[in-house]
């Protein structure tokens, strides 16, 4: 398994599910925004969607739109920062079934769709327990090429989060395309050891190292900096 790779070395599927595996807050949204910018710069017609947003203020779709300069759709919005089922119950709203999200993604007119999972891989998105992983399974069943990008950080629990996510995906025959690491600063021995271990645990290469504070950038700055995040040659110099 290659430890590192670049986007131009990958044959990305038509639908890429991007979701946190340990990384929290706005950082996974920053990773999705950067990925959208790089794909668009490479000539791909990129769509971005977030199946379910639960936020009282700025939600992940708004973060992605702000950072990428490209409109990210919200397919369903609830206005409490809670897990979707709890937010829906408190609001008296019915959640759309996960299979509907899969059908909508399958019908995209874009040649690449980034489906951002704001709540992780296995958190229920509907009242019947449908998850982002189930969306991926339904897409594959319909013959839509689908893969997953796991977004993590360099916290002590990162390896465990990625390993558990990769195991859950393997059981569903859903391929991991790669791993993006967020919150990166000047790294020491522990962080470098994590970066060496992540590809083996994920069964997929490192795609990018996204620096700490990326979610606070403006679109122009992110667009200018993102190529270095996806370039292995720049990883150990970009934050020094």
C-alpha atoms as a PDB file:
ATOM      1  CA  UNK A   1       0.000   0.000   0.000  1.00  0.00           C
ATOM      2  CA  UNK A   2       1.392   3.372  -1.059  1.00  0.00           C
ATOM      3  CA  UNK A   3       1.866   5.687   1.903  1.00  0.00           C
ATOM      4  CA  UNK A   4       1.107   8.799  -0.104  1.00  0.00           C
ATOM      5  CA  UNK A   5      -0.352   9.763  -3.442  1.00  0.00           C
ATOM      6  CA  UNK A   6      -1.714  12.730  -5.356  1.00  0.00           C
ATOM      7  CA  UNK A   7      -5.148  13.264  -6.878  1.00  0.00           C
ATOM      8  CA  UNK A   8      -3.878  12.968 -10.421  1.00  0.00           C
ATOM      9  CA  UNK A   9      -2.726   9.429  -9.636  1.00  0.00           C
ATOM     10  CA  UNK A  10      -6.236   8.361  -8.643  1.00  0.00           C
ATOM     11  CA  UNK A  11      -9.196   7.341 -10.758  1.00  0.00           C
ATOM     12  CA  UNK A  12     -11.825   8.829  -8.488  1.00  0.00           C
ATOM     13  CA  UNK A  13     -15.324   7.358  -8.579  1.00  0.00           C
ATOM     14  CA  UNK A  14     -18.333   9.344  -9.719  1.00  0.00           C
ATOM     15  CA  UNK A  15     -19.596   9.808  -6.147  1.00  0.00           C
ATOM     16  CA  UNK A  16     -17.144  10.398  -3.308  1.00  0.00           C
ATOM     17  CA  UNK A  17     -18.478  10.260   0.236  1.00  0.00           C
ATOM     18  CA  UNK A  18     -16.334  12.521   2.421  1.00  0.00           C
ATOM     19  CA  UNK A  19     -16.761  12.008   6.137  1.00  0.00           C
ATOM     20  CA  UNK A  20     -14.987  12.453   9.432  1.00  0.00           C
ATOM     21  CA  UNK A  21     -13.253   9.553  11.134  1.00  0.00           C
ATOM     22  CA  UNK A  22     -12.097  11.327  14.258  1.00  0.00           C
ATOM     23  CA  UNK A  23     -11.882  14.868  12.878  1.00  0.00           C
ATOM     24  CA  UNK A  24     -14.619  17.154  14.227  1.00  0.00           C
ATOM     25  CA  UNK A  25     -15.849  20.728  13.943  1.00  0.00           C
ATOM     26  CA  UNK A  26     -15.514  22.534  10.611  1.00  0.00           C
ATOM     27  CA  UNK A  27     -12.270  20.788   9.614  1.00  0.00           C
ATOM     28  CA  UNK A  28     -13.878  17.949   7.575  1.00  0.00           C
ATOM     29  CA  UNK A  29     -15.861  20.622   5.692  1.00  0.00           C
ATOM     30  CA  UNK A  30     -12.586  22.401   4.924  1.00  0.00           C
ATOM     31  CA  UNK A  31     -11.225  19.129   3.538  1.00  0.00           C
ATOM     32  CA  UNK A  32     -14.275  18.721   1.285  1.00  0.00           C
ATOM     33  CA  UNK A  33     -13.926  22.314   0.086  1.00  0.00           C
ATOM     34  CA  UNK A  34     -10.256  21.805  -0.755  1.00  0.00           C
ATOM     35  CA  UNK A  35     -11.014  18.578  -2.595  1.00  0.00           C
ATOM     36  CA  UNK A  36     -13.716  20.350  -4.624  1.00  0.00           C
ATOM     37  CA  UNK A  37     -11.310  23.134  -5.569  1.00  0.00           C
ATOM     38  CA  UNK A  38      -8.599  20.703  -6.687  1.00  0.00           C
ATOM     39  CA  UNK A  39     -10.992  18.601  -8.754  1.00  0.00           C
ATOM     40  CA  UNK A  40     -12.499  21.660 -10.412  1.00  0.00           C
ATOM     41  CA  UNK A  41      -9.035  23.000 -11.210  1.00  0.00           C
ATOM     42  CA  UNK A  42      -8.290  19.640 -12.829  1.00  0.00           C
ATOM     43  CA  UNK A  43     -11.264  20.110 -15.151  1.00  0.00           C
ATOM     44  CA  UNK A  44     -13.861  18.008 -13.356  1.00  0.00           C
ATOM     45  CA  UNK A  45     -17.494  19.152 -13.246  1.00  0.00           C
ATOM     46  CA  UNK A  46     -17.889  18.943  -9.460  1.00  0.00           C
ATOM     47  CA  UNK A  47     -21.093  18.981  -7.458  1.00  0.00           C
ATOM     48  CA  UNK A  48     -21.189  19.199  -3.662  1.00  0.00           C
ATOM     49  CA  UNK A  49     -24.043  18.181  -1.385  1.00  0.00           C
ATOM     50  CA  UNK A  50     -24.642  17.578   2.317  1.00  0.00           C
ATOM     51  CA  UNK A  51     -27.532  15.141   2.887  1.00  0.00           C
ATOM     52  CA  UNK A  52     -28.462  16.345   6.385  1.00  0.00           C
ATOM     53  CA  UNK A  53     -27.295  19.504   8.143  1.00  0.00           C
ATOM     54  CA  UNK A  54     -28.070  20.111  11.823  1.00  0.00           C
ATOM     55  CA  UNK A  55     -26.764  23.491  12.938  1.00  0.00           C
ATOM     56  CA  UNK A  56     -28.042  26.563  14.722  1.00  0.00           C
ATOM     57  CA  UNK A  57     -25.509  28.764  12.926  1.00  0.00           C
ATOM     58  CA  UNK A  58     -23.174  28.143  10.019  1.00  0.00           C
ATOM     59  CA  UNK A  59     -23.586  24.553   8.844  1.00  0.00           C
ATOM     60  CA  UNK A  60     -21.176  22.394   6.896  1.00  0.00           C
ATOM     61  CA  UNK A  61     -22.715  23.250   3.518  1.00  0.00           C
ATOM     62  CA  UNK A  62     -22.218  26.949   4.245  1.00  0.00           C
ATOM     63  CA  UNK A  63     -18.626  26.330   5.351  1.00  0.00           C
ATOM     64  CA  UNK A  64     -17.891  24.419   2.153  1.00  0.00           C
ATOM     65  CA  UNK A  65     -19.507  27.134   0.021  1.00  0.00           C
ATOM     66  CA  UNK A  66     -17.584  29.888   1.805  1.00  0.00           C
ATOM     67  CA  UNK A  67     -14.242  28.118   1.497  1.00  0.00           C
ATOM     68  CA  UNK A  68     -14.561  26.710  -2.010  1.00  0.00           C
ATOM     69  CA  UNK A  69     -16.487  29.473  -3.736  1.00  0.00           C
ATOM     70  CA  UNK A  70     -18.802  26.757  -5.073  1.00  0.00           C
ATOM     71  CA  UNK A  71     -22.367  26.180  -3.986  1.00  0.00           C
ATOM     72  CA  UNK A  72     -22.842  23.190  -1.702  1.00  0.00           C
ATOM     73  CA  UNK A  73     -26.433  21.973  -1.539  1.00  0.00           C
ATOM     74  CA  UNK A  74     -28.232  21.161   1.686  1.00  0.00           C
ATOM     75  CA  UNK A  75     -30.713  18.361   1.063  1.00  0.00           C
ATOM     76  CA  UNK A  76     -32.279  18.675   4.497  1.00  0.00           C
ATOM     77  CA  UNK A  77     -31.658  21.282   7.197  1.00  0.00           C
ATOM     78  CA  UNK A  78     -32.559  21.202  10.881  1.00  0.00           C
ATOM     79  CA  UNK A  79     -31.715  24.121  13.112  1.00  0.00           C
ATOM     80  CA  UNK A  80     -30.374  22.440  16.234  1.00  0.00           C
ATOM     81  CA  UNK A  81     -26.805  21.191  16.604  1.00  0.00           C
ATOM     82  CA  UNK A  82     -27.855  17.645  17.496  1.00  0.00           C
ATOM     83  CA  UNK A  83     -27.672  14.241  15.819  1.00  0.00           C
ATOM     84  CA  UNK A  84     -30.251  14.166  12.992  1.00  0.00           C
ATOM     85  CA  UNK A  85     -32.788  11.860  14.658  1.00  0.00           C
ATOM     86  CA  UNK A  86     -32.776  13.857  17.904  1.00  0.00           C
ATOM     87  CA  UNK A  87     -32.970  17.177  16.032  1.00  0.00           C
ATOM     88  CA  UNK A  88     -35.894  15.914  13.941  1.00  0.00           C
ATOM     89  CA  UNK A  89     -37.785  14.644  16.985  1.00  0.00           C
ATOM     90  CA  UNK A  90     -37.398  17.949  18.799  1.00  0.00           C
ATOM     91  CA  UNK A  91     -38.483  19.892  15.707  1.00  0.00           C
ATOM     92  CA  UNK A  92     -41.360  17.607  14.760  1.00  0.00           C
ATOM     93  CA  UNK A  93     -39.834  17.095  11.314  1.00  0.00           C
ATOM     94  CA  UNK A  94     -39.651  13.866   9.330  1.00  0.00           C
ATOM     95  CA  UNK A  95     -36.191  12.978   8.068  1.00  0.00           C
ATOM     96  CA  UNK A  96     -35.846  11.938   4.459  1.00  0.00           C
ATOM     97  CA  UNK A  97     -34.825   8.261   4.188  1.00  0.00           C
ATOM     98  CA  UNK A  98     -31.204   7.512   3.418  1.00  0.00           C
ATOM     99  CA  UNK A  99     -32.241   5.729   0.219  1.00  0.00           C
ATOM    100  CA  UNK A 100     -33.675   9.014  -1.074  1.00  0.00           C
ATOM    101  CA  UNK A 101     -30.268  10.627  -0.646  1.00  0.00           C
ATOM    102  CA  UNK A 102     -28.766   7.764  -2.647  1.00  0.00           C
ATOM    103  CA  UNK A 103     -31.314   8.195  -5.440  1.00  0.00           C
ATOM    104  CA  UNK A 104     -30.657  11.926  -5.573  1.00  0.00           C
ATOM    105  CA  UNK A 105     -26.903  11.347  -5.723  1.00  0.00           C
ATOM    106  CA  UNK A 106     -27.325   8.706  -8.431  1.00  0.00           C
ATOM    107  CA  UNK A 107     -29.224  11.219 -10.537  1.00  0.00           C
ATOM    108  CA  UNK A 108     -26.565  13.912 -10.403  1.00  0.00           C
ATOM    109  CA  UNK A 109     -25.670  15.581 -13.685  1.00  0.00           C
ATOM    110  CA  UNK A 110     -22.129  16.274 -12.485  1.00  0.00           C
ATOM    111  CA  UNK A 111     -19.321  13.955 -13.490  1.00  0.00           C
ATOM    112  CA  UNK A 112     -18.112  14.042  -9.875  1.00  0.00           C
ATOM    113  CA  UNK A 113     -20.247  14.502  -6.769  1.00  0.00           C
ATOM    114  CA  UNK A 114     -18.767  15.097  -3.329  1.00  0.00           C
ATOM    115  CA  UNK A 115     -21.316  13.906  -0.787  1.00  0.00           C
ATOM    116  CA  UNK A 116     -20.226  15.377   2.530  1.00  0.00           C
ATOM    117  CA  UNK A 117     -21.265  13.368   5.566  1.00  0.00           C
ATOM    118  CA  UNK A 118     -21.540  15.950   8.318  1.00  0.00           C
ATOM    119  CA  UNK A 119     -22.386  13.330  10.954  1.00  0.00           C
ATOM    120  CA  UNK A 120     -19.914  10.578  10.225  1.00  0.00           C
ATOM    121  CA  UNK A 121     -20.252   7.157   8.690  1.00  0.00           C
ATOM    122  CA  UNK A 122     -22.650   5.286  10.969  1.00  0.00           C
ATOM    123  CA  UNK A 123     -24.764   7.938  12.705  1.00  0.00           C
ATOM    124  CA  UNK A 124     -28.432   7.428  11.701  1.00  0.00           C
ATOM    125  CA  UNK A 125     -29.681   9.963   9.167  1.00  0.00           C
ATOM    126  CA  UNK A 126     -33.305   8.818   9.277  1.00  0.00           C
ATOM    127  CA  UNK A 127     -35.789   7.300  11.701  1.00  0.00           C
ATOM    128  CA  UNK A 128     -35.133   3.764  10.396  1.00  0.00           C
ATOM    129  CA  UNK A 129     -31.412   3.959  11.131  1.00  0.00           C
ATOM    130  CA  UNK A 130     -30.176   4.587   7.601  1.00  0.00           C
ATOM    131  CA  UNK A 131     -26.610   5.915   7.556  1.00  0.00           C
ATOM    132  CA  UNK A 132     -24.118   7.468   5.171  1.00  0.00           C
ATOM    133  CA  UNK A 133     -22.651   3.985   4.749  1.00  0.00           C
ATOM    134  CA  UNK A 134     -26.097   2.810   3.642  1.00  0.00           C
ATOM    135  CA  UNK A 135     -26.192   5.630   1.099  1.00  0.00           C
ATOM    136  CA  UNK A 136     -22.914   4.314  -0.307  1.00  0.00           C
ATOM    137  CA  UNK A 137     -24.211   0.744  -0.391  1.00  0.00           C
ATOM    138  CA  UNK A 138     -27.359   1.829  -2.225  1.00  0.00           C
ATOM    139  CA  UNK A 139     -25.318   3.755  -4.772  1.00  0.00           C
ATOM    140  CA  UNK A 140     -23.109   0.740  -5.453  1.00  0.00           C
ATOM    141  CA  UNK A 141     -26.208  -1.452  -5.776  1.00  0.00           C
ATOM    142  CA  UNK A 142     -27.495   0.914  -8.471  1.00  0.00           C
ATOM    143  CA  UNK A 143     -24.206   0.608 -10.339  1.00  0.00           C
ATOM    144  CA  UNK A 144     -22.873   4.062  -9.442  1.00  0.00           C
ATOM    145  CA  UNK A 145     -19.129   4.050  -8.816  1.00  0.00           C
ATOM    146  CA  UNK A 146     -18.690   5.168  -5.214  1.00  0.00           C
ATOM    147  CA  UNK A 147     -15.797   5.545  -2.812  1.00  0.00           C
ATOM    148  CA  UNK A 148     -15.070   7.090   0.560  1.00  0.00           C
ATOM    149  CA  UNK A 149     -12.543   9.667   1.718  1.00  0.00           C
ATOM    150  CA  UNK A 150     -11.966   9.486   5.466  1.00  0.00           C
ATOM    151  CA  UNK A 151     -11.069  12.735   7.212  1.00  0.00           C
ATOM    152  CA  UNK A 152      -9.143  12.392  10.452  1.00  0.00           C
ATOM    153  CA  UNK A 153      -6.698  14.329  12.598  1.00  0.00           C
ATOM    154  CA  UNK A 154      -3.527  13.529  14.524  1.00  0.00           C
ATOM    155  CA  UNK A 155      -5.120  13.057  17.932  1.00  0.00           C
ATOM    156  CA  UNK A 156      -4.207   9.993  19.983  1.00  0.00           C
ATOM    157  CA  UNK A 157      -7.453   8.268  18.948  1.00  0.00           C
ATOM    158  CA  UNK A 158      -7.096   8.939  15.213  1.00  0.00           C
ATOM    159  CA  UNK A 159      -5.696   5.516  14.346  1.00  0.00           C
ATOM    160  CA  UNK A 160      -8.547   3.763  16.127  1.00  0.00           C
ATOM    161  CA  UNK A 161     -11.197   5.909  14.444  1.00  0.00           C
ATOM    162  CA  UNK A 162      -9.780   5.226  10.986  1.00  0.00           C
ATOM    163  CA  UNK A 163      -9.331   1.508  11.619  1.00  0.00           C
ATOM    164  CA  UNK A 164     -12.928   1.131  12.822  1.00  0.00           C
ATOM    165  CA  UNK A 165     -14.291   3.106   9.864  1.00  0.00           C
ATOM    166  CA  UNK A 166     -12.234   1.066   7.390  1.00  0.00           C
ATOM    167  CA  UNK A 167     -13.453  -2.190   8.954  1.00  0.00           C
ATOM    168  CA  UNK A 168     -17.092  -1.075   8.730  1.00  0.00           C
ATOM    169  CA  UNK A 169     -16.621  -0.097   5.078  1.00  0.00           C
ATOM    170  CA  UNK A 170     -14.859  -3.339   4.224  1.00  0.00           C
ATOM    171  CA  UNK A 171     -17.826  -5.319   5.535  1.00  0.00           C
ATOM    172  CA  UNK A 172     -20.036  -3.357   3.132  1.00  0.00           C
ATOM    173  CA  UNK A 173     -17.640  -3.713   0.181  1.00  0.00           C
ATOM    174  CA  UNK A 174     -17.260   0.063   0.049  1.00  0.00           C
ATOM    175  CA  UNK A 175     -13.765   1.141  -1.000  1.00  0.00           C
ATOM    176  CA  UNK A 176     -11.763   3.781   0.849  1.00  0.00           C
ATOM    177  CA  UNK A 177     -10.281   6.142  -1.739  1.00  0.00           C
ATOM    178  CA  UNK A 178      -7.886   7.818   0.653  1.00  0.00           C
ATOM    179  CA  UNK A 179      -7.327   9.640   3.929  1.00  0.00           C
ATOM    180  CA  UNK A 180      -7.162  13.381   4.532  1.00  0.00           C
ATOM    181  CA  UNK A 181      -5.565  14.575   7.766  1.00  0.00           C
ATOM    182  CA  UNK A 182      -6.709  17.913   9.203  1.00  0.00           C
ATOM    183  CA  UNK A 183      -5.438  20.210  11.928  1.00  0.00           C
ATOM    184  CA  UNK A 184      -1.823  19.683  10.881  1.00  0.00           C
ATOM    185  CA  UNK A 185       0.940  21.808  12.376  1.00  0.00           C
ATOM    186  CA  UNK A 186       4.670  21.298  12.858  1.00  0.00           C
ATOM    187  CA  UNK A 187       4.922  17.577  13.415  1.00  0.00           C
ATOM    188  CA  UNK A 188       7.009  15.480  15.796  1.00  0.00           C
ATOM    189  CA  UNK A 189       7.819  11.797  16.009  1.00  0.00           C
ATOM    190  CA  UNK A 190       4.370  10.756  17.250  1.00  0.00           C
ATOM    191  CA  UNK A 191       2.540  12.567  14.465  1.00  0.00           C
ATOM    192  CA  UNK A 192       4.868  11.176  11.815  1.00  0.00           C
ATOM    193  CA  UNK A 193       4.314   7.686  13.200  1.00  0.00           C
ATOM    194  CA  UNK A 194       0.560   8.233  12.889  1.00  0.00           C
ATOM    195  CA  UNK A 195       0.969   9.319   9.275  1.00  0.00           C
ATOM    196  CA  UNK A 196       2.953   6.169   8.520  1.00  0.00           C
ATOM    197  CA  UNK A 197       0.265   3.976  10.106  1.00  0.00           C
ATOM    198  CA  UNK A 198      -2.864   5.569   8.642  1.00  0.00           C
ATOM    199  CA  UNK A 199      -2.576   4.165   5.081  1.00  0.00           C
ATOM    200  CA  UNK A 200      -2.117   0.619   6.388  1.00  0.00           C
ATOM    201  CA  UNK A 201      -5.122   0.891   8.696  1.00  0.00           C
ATOM    202  CA  UNK A 202      -7.310   2.521   6.056  1.00  0.00           C
ATOM    203  CA  UNK A 203      -6.169   0.305   3.219  1.00  0.00           C
ATOM    204  CA  UNK A 204      -5.769   3.495   1.179  1.00  0.00           C
ATOM    205  CA  UNK A 205      -3.178   6.240   0.670  1.00  0.00           C
ATOM    206  CA  UNK A 206      -2.824   9.618   2.297  1.00  0.00           C
ATOM    207  CA  UNK A 207      -4.311  12.228  -0.009  1.00  0.00           C
ATOM    208  CA  UNK A 208      -3.699  15.467   1.849  1.00  0.00           C
ATOM    209  CA  UNK A 209      -2.520  17.181   5.001  1.00  0.00           C
ATOM    210  CA  UNK A 210      -4.746  20.177   5.752  1.00  0.00           C
ATOM    211  CA  UNK A 211      -3.213  22.714   8.147  1.00  0.00           C
ATOM    212  CA  UNK A 212      -4.812  23.869  11.368  1.00  0.00           C
ATOM    213  CA  UNK A 213      -7.037  26.891  10.841  1.00  0.00           C
ATOM    214  CA  UNK A 214      -8.003  26.005   7.264  1.00  0.00           C
ATOM    215  CA  UNK A 215     -11.690  26.518   8.051  1.00  0.00           C
ATOM    216  CA  UNK A 216     -10.975  30.185   8.841  1.00  0.00           C
ATOM    217  CA  UNK A 217      -9.530  30.981   5.416  1.00  0.00           C
ATOM    218  CA  UNK A 218     -11.303  32.810   2.617  1.00  0.00           C
ATOM    219  CA  UNK A 219     -11.961  31.150  -0.726  1.00  0.00           C
ATOM    220  CA  UNK A 220      -9.082  32.845  -2.555  1.00  0.00           C
ATOM    221  CA  UNK A 221      -6.541  31.859   0.083  1.00  0.00           C
ATOM    222  CA  UNK A 222      -7.764  28.286   0.261  1.00  0.00           C
ATOM    223  CA  UNK A 223      -7.649  27.995  -3.527  1.00  0.00           C
ATOM    224  CA  UNK A 224      -4.031  29.200  -3.598  1.00  0.00           C
ATOM    225  CA  UNK A 225      -2.878  26.994  -0.717  1.00  0.00           C
ATOM    226  CA  UNK A 226      -4.814  23.776  -1.377  1.00  0.00           C
ATOM    227  CA  UNK A 227      -2.453  22.378  -4.067  1.00  0.00           C
ATOM    228  CA  UNK A 228       0.330  22.188  -1.474  1.00  0.00           C
ATOM    229  CA  UNK A 229      -1.961  20.297   0.901  1.00  0.00           C
ATOM    230  CA  UNK A 230      -2.394  17.592  -1.734  1.00  0.00           C
ATOM    231  CA  UNK A 231       1.304  17.539  -2.695  1.00  0.00           C
ATOM    232  CA  UNK A 232       3.449  15.113  -0.647  1.00  0.00           C
ATOM    233  CA  UNK A 233       6.598  17.068  -1.515  1.00  0.00           C
ATOM    234  CA  UNK A 234       5.242  20.107   0.353  1.00  0.00           C
ATOM    235  CA  UNK A 235       3.792  18.397   3.421  1.00  0.00           C
ATOM    236  CA  UNK A 236       6.683  18.994   5.804  1.00  0.00           C
ATOM    237  CA  UNK A 237       7.394  22.555   4.714  1.00  0.00           C
ATOM    238  CA  UNK A 238       3.958  24.148   4.332  1.00  0.00           C
ATOM    239  CA  UNK A 239       3.448  24.875   8.037  1.00  0.00           C
ATOM    240  CA  UNK A 240       7.028  25.641   9.053  1.00  0.00           C
END
